[in-house]
C-alpha cells in the first residue's frame, strides 16, 4: 500500500513509497484511512525546522485522520467493522505519573505519530481502540479529520485561557490552529480578533473575513488604533498566541489588560526576548497549552457535528501522489488545510 514518507533529514525529503499492510493484533483494529490532513507539526517536519530535528527517517508522516474500521481483533469490545472513527495523535505509556493523573497528553514517554514511528499518511493503520473516537453518522470524513487540530484549539481556548462570553480575544497567527481557535472562541461567546502579516493576506485573512471575523494585518495596522476605533478600548482580555513567532510575545503583553491572560500555543524555533516586568506589574497570567485531553476530542466532534463552524472554506483536497505540492502550498500559505484522500 502507498504511504507518504519522510525519507531524508532535510527540507522536503519526502517520497511516495509502497509499504507492507499492517497486521493488527487481537487487541487492535484495522482502519481504512479515508482522509488525512497536514498539521503545522508536519510542516515543521517537512521543512526540517530546528523544532523537529528529533524526527526519525524513514517514517510515514501524519497524525490527523479519519477512517473506517475494516477489521477488529478478537479482544476488541467497543468497536466493530464499519464504525467511522478519528484517531488521537499522541501515543502515551499509561504508567508514568502524568498518565496516572489523567494527563496523558503530558506523558513522560510522549510520542506523536508520524515523527519517530509511522503515522497515518497511508491507506491502512492498525491501532489500539483506546486512541479512537467514533464519528457522528452525518459528519463527512474531510471535516472529521480536523477533529485533532480542533481539539488542540479547544484545549487552548477552553481549558487554558480564562475566556468568558463578551471577552475580546486577540489570536495571533491565522494558521490552521489560529483559524480553528477563532471558531472555538466565537462559539464560547467571546469576540475574536485575528492578527496576521502581509503574506496572510493572500488566503488566510480574507477567508476569516468572509466568515465574519475581524482581522488585523500587523505589518500595516496598529493594533491599538484598531481596538480603539472598532471596539472603543485599548486592551484585549486574552491573547492566544498561535503563530510560533517569538517577536509577537512582547507586543501581546502590551495590549493585554491588567489581569489578562496570555496563552502560548505555537512552537518557537527562536528564543523569545520578553520584558517580564510588564507582565508582573499588570499581573498577567502566562499559560502554555500542549496538545489536548480526551474530552477535547469529544468536544470537537460535537462542535463539528453541530454544523455551526464554517470550516469548509479552509479545506483543500489533494491526492497522495500530489503530496509535495500539498506541502508546498501549505508552506507558502496558499491553502490553510490540505487534506489527502486515500480511498
Protein backbone atom coordinates (compact mmCIF):
# COMPACT_ATOMS: atom_id res chain seq x y z
CA UNK A 1 0.00 0.00 0.00
CA UNK A 2 1.17 3.57 -0.65
CA UNK A 3 2.40 5.93 2.06
CA UNK A 4 3.75 9.48 2.22
CA UNK A 5 7.16 9.13 3.86
CA UNK A 6 9.83 11.46 5.19
CA UNK A 7 12.95 9.79 3.81
CA UNK A 8 15.67 12.44 4.21
CA UNK A 9 16.53 14.76 7.11
CA UNK A 10 16.39 17.99 5.11
CA UNK A 11 13.87 20.44 3.65
CA UNK A 12 11.36 18.40 1.68
CA UNK A 13 12.86 14.95 1.60
CA UNK A 14 9.56 13.11 1.12
CA UNK A 15 8.59 10.27 -1.20
CA UNK A 16 5.56 8.14 -2.05
CA UNK A 17 6.56 4.58 -1.21
CA UNK A 18 4.92 1.17 -1.13
CA UNK A 19 4.85 -0.29 2.39
CA UNK A 20 3.52 -3.61 3.71
CA UNK A 21 -0.05 -3.53 5.04
CA UNK A 22 -0.30 -3.73 8.84
CA UNK A 23 -1.29 -6.86 10.73
CA UNK A 24 -3.45 -5.96 13.72
CA UNK A 25 -3.17 -7.90 16.97
CA UNK A 26 -6.17 -9.37 18.80
CA UNK A 27 -6.40 -6.11 20.77
CA UNK A 28 -6.27 -3.79 17.74
CA UNK A 29 -8.49 -2.69 14.89
CA UNK A 30 -7.54 -2.17 11.26
CA UNK A 31 -8.61 1.19 9.88
CA UNK A 32 -9.00 2.12 6.24
CA UNK A 33 -7.89 5.75 6.04
CA UNK A 34 -10.39 7.94 4.20
CA UNK A 35 -8.88 11.39 4.78
CA UNK A 36 -5.76 12.74 6.45
CA UNK A 37 -4.73 16.36 6.86
CA UNK A 38 -1.42 18.20 7.09
CA UNK A 39 -0.70 19.69 10.51
CA UNK A 40 1.67 22.51 11.45
CA UNK A 41 3.92 19.88 13.02
CA UNK A 42 4.00 18.03 9.69
CA UNK A 43 5.15 21.27 8.06
CA UNK A 44 7.93 21.58 10.65
CA UNK A 45 8.98 18.03 9.78
CA UNK A 46 8.74 18.71 6.04
CA UNK A 47 10.86 21.87 6.25
CA UNK A 48 13.13 20.19 8.82
CA UNK A 49 12.70 23.02 11.29
CA UNK A 50 15.03 23.07 14.34
CA UNK A 51 11.99 22.21 16.47
CA UNK A 52 11.72 18.86 14.67
CA UNK A 53 15.29 17.67 14.25
CA UNK A 54 14.34 14.77 16.54
CA UNK A 55 12.32 13.03 13.81
CA UNK A 56 13.33 9.57 12.61
CA UNK A 57 13.73 8.74 8.92
CA UNK A 58 12.39 6.95 7.04
CA UNK A 59 8.95 7.35 8.61
CA UNK A 60 5.37 7.52 7.37
CA UNK A 61 4.19 11.05 8.14
CA UNK A 62 0.92 12.37 9.51
CA UNK A 63 -1.27 12.19 12.61
CA UNK A 64 -4.63 13.79 11.66
CA UNK A 65 -7.04 11.36 10.03
CA UNK A 66 -10.50 9.86 9.75
CA UNK A 67 -11.40 6.41 8.53
CA UNK A 68 -13.47 3.25 8.79
CA UNK A 69 -12.77 0.07 10.72
CA UNK A 70 -12.42 -2.87 8.35
CA UNK A 71 -11.18 -5.48 10.82
CA UNK A 72 -11.44 -5.88 14.59
CA UNK A 73 -9.36 -8.14 16.81
CA UNK A 74 -10.99 -10.83 18.93
CA UNK A 75 -10.34 -8.90 22.15
CA UNK A 76 -11.89 -5.63 20.89
CA UNK A 77 -15.26 -4.98 22.54
CA UNK A 78 -16.37 -1.39 21.95
CA UNK A 79 -15.71 -1.11 18.20
CA UNK A 80 -16.81 -3.17 15.23
CA UNK A 81 -16.35 -3.36 11.46
CA UNK A 82 -17.97 -0.38 9.76
CA UNK A 83 -17.50 2.09 12.61
CA UNK A 84 -16.35 5.52 11.44
CA UNK A 85 -13.57 6.86 13.65
CA UNK A 86 -10.92 9.51 14.23
CA UNK A 87 -7.55 8.77 15.81
CA UNK A 88 -5.70 10.56 18.59
CA UNK A 89 -2.20 11.60 17.56
CA UNK A 90 -0.41 11.18 20.88
CA UNK A 91 0.96 7.82 21.97
CA UNK A 92 1.21 7.57 25.76
CA UNK A 93 2.60 4.97 28.15
CA UNK A 94 -0.28 4.93 30.64
CA UNK A 95 2.03 4.26 33.62
CA UNK A 96 4.05 7.45 34.27
CA UNK A 97 2.92 9.98 36.90
CA UNK A 98 1.38 12.29 34.28
CA UNK A 99 -0.65 9.48 32.74
CA UNK A 100 -1.74 8.21 36.16
CA UNK A 101 -3.01 11.71 36.95
CA UNK A 102 -5.06 11.70 33.74
CA UNK A 103 -2.70 13.96 31.80
CA UNK A 104 -1.87 11.52 29.02
CA UNK A 105 -1.06 14.48 26.73
CA UNK A 106 1.89 15.23 29.04
CA UNK A 107 3.14 11.64 29.17
CA UNK A 108 6.82 11.24 30.05
CA UNK A 109 7.13 8.91 27.04
CA UNK A 110 5.08 11.27 24.82
CA UNK A 111 5.29 10.46 21.10
CA UNK A 112 3.41 11.88 18.13
CA UNK A 113 2.55 9.62 15.22
CA UNK A 114 4.49 10.38 12.08
CA UNK A 115 7.62 11.65 13.82
CA UNK A 116 9.50 8.72 15.39
CA UNK A 117 7.09 5.96 14.46
CA UNK A 118 4.88 5.55 11.41
CA UNK A 119 1.87 7.83 11.10
CA UNK A 120 -1.39 7.97 9.18
CA UNK A 121 -0.49 9.25 5.69
CA UNK A 122 -1.16 5.82 4.26
CA UNK A 123 -4.04 3.55 3.25
CA UNK A 124 -4.43 1.43 6.39
CA UNK A 125 -3.29 1.55 10.02
CA UNK A 126 -3.57 -0.87 12.92
CA UNK A 127 -4.32 0.78 16.24
CA UNK A 128 -5.48 0.14 19.80
CA UNK A 129 -9.08 1.27 20.40
CA UNK A 130 -8.07 3.48 23.36
CA UNK A 131 -6.91 6.05 20.80
CA UNK A 132 -10.21 6.11 18.87
CA UNK A 133 -13.34 8.27 18.91
CA UNK A 134 -16.48 7.48 16.93
CA UNK A 135 -17.60 9.94 14.25
CA UNK A 136 -21.24 11.12 14.17
CA UNK A 137 -23.13 9.50 11.30
CA UNK A 138 -23.65 12.67 9.26
CA UNK A 139 -20.18 14.17 9.68
CA UNK A 140 -18.16 13.99 6.42
CA UNK A 141 -14.73 12.38 6.60
CA UNK A 142 -12.97 15.53 5.34
CA UNK A 143 -14.39 17.55 8.24
CA UNK A 144 -13.89 14.75 10.75
CA UNK A 145 -10.16 14.62 10.15
CA UNK A 146 -9.97 18.18 11.53
CA UNK A 147 -11.00 16.85 14.95
CA UNK A 148 -7.41 16.63 16.17
CA UNK A 149 -6.36 20.23 15.37
CA UNK A 150 -9.74 21.48 16.61
CA UNK A 151 -9.08 19.61 19.87
CA UNK A 152 -5.74 21.44 20.18
CA UNK A 153 -7.56 24.76 19.74
CA UNK A 154 -10.28 23.71 22.20
CA UNK A 155 -7.73 22.77 24.87
CA UNK A 156 -6.03 26.15 24.46
CA UNK A 157 -9.20 28.25 24.44
CA UNK A 158 -11.49 26.34 26.80
CA UNK A 159 -9.07 24.84 29.31
CA UNK A 160 -6.14 27.25 29.37
CA UNK A 161 -7.31 30.79 28.64
CA UNK A 162 -9.95 32.07 31.09
CA UNK A 163 -12.20 33.19 28.23
CA UNK A 164 -15.64 34.48 29.22
CA UNK A 165 -18.57 35.49 26.99
CA UNK A 166 -18.08 39.01 25.68
CA UNK A 167 -14.29 38.99 26.09
CA UNK A 168 -12.07 40.45 23.40
CA UNK A 169 -9.61 37.76 22.37
CA UNK A 170 -6.59 38.51 20.21
CA UNK A 171 -5.49 35.44 18.25
CA UNK A 172 -2.02 35.91 16.80
CA UNK A 173 -1.26 33.74 13.78
CA UNK A 174 -4.01 32.74 11.31
CA UNK A 175 -2.61 29.30 10.59
CA UNK A 176 -4.84 26.22 10.96
CA UNK A 177 -4.74 26.26 14.77
CA UNK A 178 -5.28 30.02 14.92
CA UNK A 179 -8.18 29.80 12.48
CA UNK A 180 -9.80 26.94 14.38
CA UNK A 181 -9.21 28.78 17.68
CA UNK A 182 -11.17 31.70 16.24
CA UNK A 183 -14.15 29.40 15.65
CA UNK A 184 -13.88 27.95 19.15
CA UNK A 185 -13.60 31.40 20.72
CA UNK A 186 -16.65 32.67 18.86
CA UNK A 187 -18.60 29.57 19.91
CA UNK A 188 -17.72 30.45 23.53
CA UNK A 189 -19.46 33.81 23.14
CA UNK A 190 -16.27 35.85 23.00
CA UNK A 191 -15.15 38.25 20.26
CA UNK A 192 -12.05 37.02 18.39
CA UNK A 193 -9.68 39.37 16.56
CA UNK A 194 -7.18 37.53 14.37
CA UNK A 195 -3.80 39.07 13.68
CA UNK A 196 -1.61 38.09 10.73
CA UNK A 197 1.02 39.56 8.42
CA UNK A 198 1.06 40.60 4.77
CA UNK A 199 1.70 37.07 3.50
CA UNK A 200 -1.54 36.02 5.17
CA UNK A 201 -3.49 38.49 3.02
CA UNK A 202 -3.40 36.16 0.02
CA UNK A 203 -5.67 33.49 1.51
CA UNK A 204 -5.96 33.21 5.28
CA UNK A 205 -7.14 36.65 6.39
CA UNK A 206 -9.64 37.04 3.52
CA UNK A 207 -11.15 33.65 4.40
CA UNK A 208 -11.56 34.72 8.00
CA UNK A 209 -13.17 37.99 6.99
CA UNK A 210 -15.50 36.06 4.69
CA UNK A 211 -16.59 34.07 7.75
CA UNK A 212 -17.33 37.29 9.63
CA UNK A 213 -14.19 37.64 11.74
CA UNK A 214 -12.33 40.89 12.38
CA UNK A 215 -8.72 40.63 11.21
CA UNK A 216 -5.59 42.76 11.52
CA UNK A 217 -2.52 42.93 9.30
CA UNK A 218 0.03 43.71 11.99
CA UNK A 219 2.57 44.90 9.41
CA UNK A 220 0.23 47.63 8.17
CA UNK A 221 -2.21 48.31 11.01
CA UNK A 222 -1.64 49.43 14.58
CA UNK A 223 -3.44 47.12 16.98
CA UNK A 224 -4.19 49.88 19.48
CA UNK A 225 -5.78 52.05 16.79
CA UNK A 226 -7.92 49.13 15.62
CA UNK A 227 -9.01 48.35 19.17
CA UNK A 228 -9.89 51.98 19.86
CA UNK A 229 -11.60 52.58 16.51
CA UNK A 230 -13.67 49.39 16.28
CA UNK A 231 -14.08 48.30 19.88
CA UNK A 232 -13.74 51.51 21.90
CA UNK A 233 -10.96 50.08 24.07
CA UNK A 234 -7.18 49.96 24.25
CA UNK A 235 -6.82 46.41 25.51
CA UNK A 236 -7.89 42.81 24.99
CA UNK A 237 -8.83 40.35 27.73
CA UNK A 238 -6.99 37.32 26.38
CA UNK A 239 -4.26 36.60 23.83
CA UNK A 240 -4.00 33.19 22.17
CA UNK A 241 -0.51 33.15 20.67
CA UNK A 242 -0.72 30.64 17.80
CA UNK A 243 1.93 31.99 15.42
CA UNK A 244 5.02 30.44 16.97
CA UNK A 245 6.81 33.74 16.30
CA UNK A 246 8.73 34.82 19.39
CA UNK A 247 8.68 38.51 18.39
CA UNK A 248 4.90 38.54 18.86
CA UNK A 249 5.00 37.87 22.61
CA UNK A 250 6.19 41.30 23.79
CA UNK A 251 3.60 43.36 21.87
CA UNK A 252 0.95 40.87 23.00
CA UNK A 253 1.77 41.70 26.62
CA UNK A 254 1.45 45.38 25.72
CA UNK A 255 -2.18 45.14 24.59
CA UNK A 256 -3.36 42.79 27.34
CA UNK A 257 -5.46 44.36 30.06
CA UNK A 258 -4.35 44.18 33.67
CA UNK A 259 -5.19 40.74 34.99
CA UNK A 260 -5.46 39.33 31.46
CA UNK A 261 -4.20 36.00 30.17
CA UNK A 262 -1.58 35.16 27.54
CA UNK A 263 -1.73 31.57 26.36
CA UNK A 264 1.20 30.22 24.34
CA UNK A 265 0.10 27.66 21.75
CA UNK A 266 2.66 27.91 18.92
CA UNK A 267 6.04 26.18 18.80
CA UNK A 268 9.03 28.51 18.73
CA UNK A 269 12.20 27.99 16.72
CA UNK A 270 13.83 31.10 18.25
CA UNK A 271 14.27 32.15 21.87
CA UNK A 272 11.93 34.95 22.92
CA UNK A 273 13.23 38.20 24.39
CA UNK A 274 10.49 39.37 26.76
CA UNK A 275 10.26 42.14 29.38
CA UNK A 276 8.52 40.19 32.13
CA UNK A 277 8.41 43.21 34.43
CA UNK A 278 5.49 44.45 32.35
CA UNK A 279 3.71 41.15 32.92
CA UNK A 280 4.32 41.33 36.69
CA UNK A 281 3.09 44.92 37.04
CA UNK A 282 -0.09 44.09 35.13
CA UNK A 283 -0.47 40.75 36.95
CA UNK A 284 -0.83 38.94 33.65
CA UNK A 285 -1.29 35.18 33.71
CA UNK A 286 1.03 33.46 31.24
CA UNK A 287 -0.01 29.94 30.37
CA UNK A 288 1.00 27.37 27.80
CA UNK A 289 -1.18 24.81 26.09
CA UNK A 290 0.10 21.49 24.77
CA UNK A 291 -1.97 19.23 22.54
CA UNK A 292 -5.32 18.15 24.04
CA UNK A 293 -7.12 15.92 26.51
CA UNK A 294 -9.54 13.10 25.71
CA UNK A 295 -12.52 15.34 26.41
CA UNK A 296 -11.33 17.89 23.82
CA UNK A 297 -11.74 15.29 21.06
CA UNK A 298 -15.32 14.71 22.17
CA UNK A 299 -15.98 18.47 22.38
CA UNK A 300 -14.58 18.95 18.89
CA UNK A 301 -16.65 16.17 17.36
CA UNK A 302 -19.81 17.68 18.85
CA UNK A 303 -18.88 21.12 17.53
CA UNK A 304 -18.19 19.75 14.06
CA UNK A 305 -21.45 17.80 14.10
CA UNK A 306 -23.39 20.91 15.11
CA UNK A 307 -22.63 22.39 11.68
CA UNK A 308 -22.02 25.81 13.28
CA UNK A 309 -18.35 26.05 12.25
CA UNK A 310 -17.73 27.43 8.78
CA UNK A 311 -14.72 25.23 8.10
CA UNK A 312 -15.29 24.09 4.52
CA UNK A 313 -13.55 27.28 3.37
CA UNK A 314 -10.24 26.23 4.92
CA UNK A 315 -10.11 22.73 3.35
CA UNK A 316 -8.28 21.86 0.11
CA UNK A 317 -8.21 18.31 -1.26
CA UNK A 318 -5.14 16.52 -2.67
CA UNK A 319 -4.29 13.00 -3.76
CA UNK A 320 -1.38 11.23 -2.10
CA UNK A 321 0.55 11.47 -5.36
CA UNK A 322 0.40 15.27 -5.05
CA UNK A 323 1.94 15.26 -1.57
CA UNK A 324 4.85 17.55 -2.38
CA UNK A 325 2.51 20.10 -3.95
CA UNK A 326 0.24 19.93 -0.91
CA UNK A 327 3.14 20.59 1.46
CA UNK A 328 4.49 23.43 -0.65
CA UNK A 329 1.05 25.03 -0.89
CA UNK A 330 0.77 24.86 2.90
CA UNK A 331 4.28 26.24 3.46
CA UNK A 332 3.54 29.13 1.10
CA UNK A 333 0.14 29.78 2.75
CA UNK A 334 -1.80 29.11 -0.45
CA UNK A 335 -4.22 26.81 1.38
CA UNK A 336 -5.00 26.71 5.11
CA UNK A 337 -5.62 22.98 5.47
CA UNK A 338 -4.54 20.43 2.82
CA UNK A 339 -6.35 17.11 3.09
CA UNK A 340 -5.26 13.87 1.44
CA UNK A 341 -7.91 11.45 0.19
CA UNK A 342 -6.70 7.87 0.30
CA UNK A 343 -9.85 5.95 -0.56
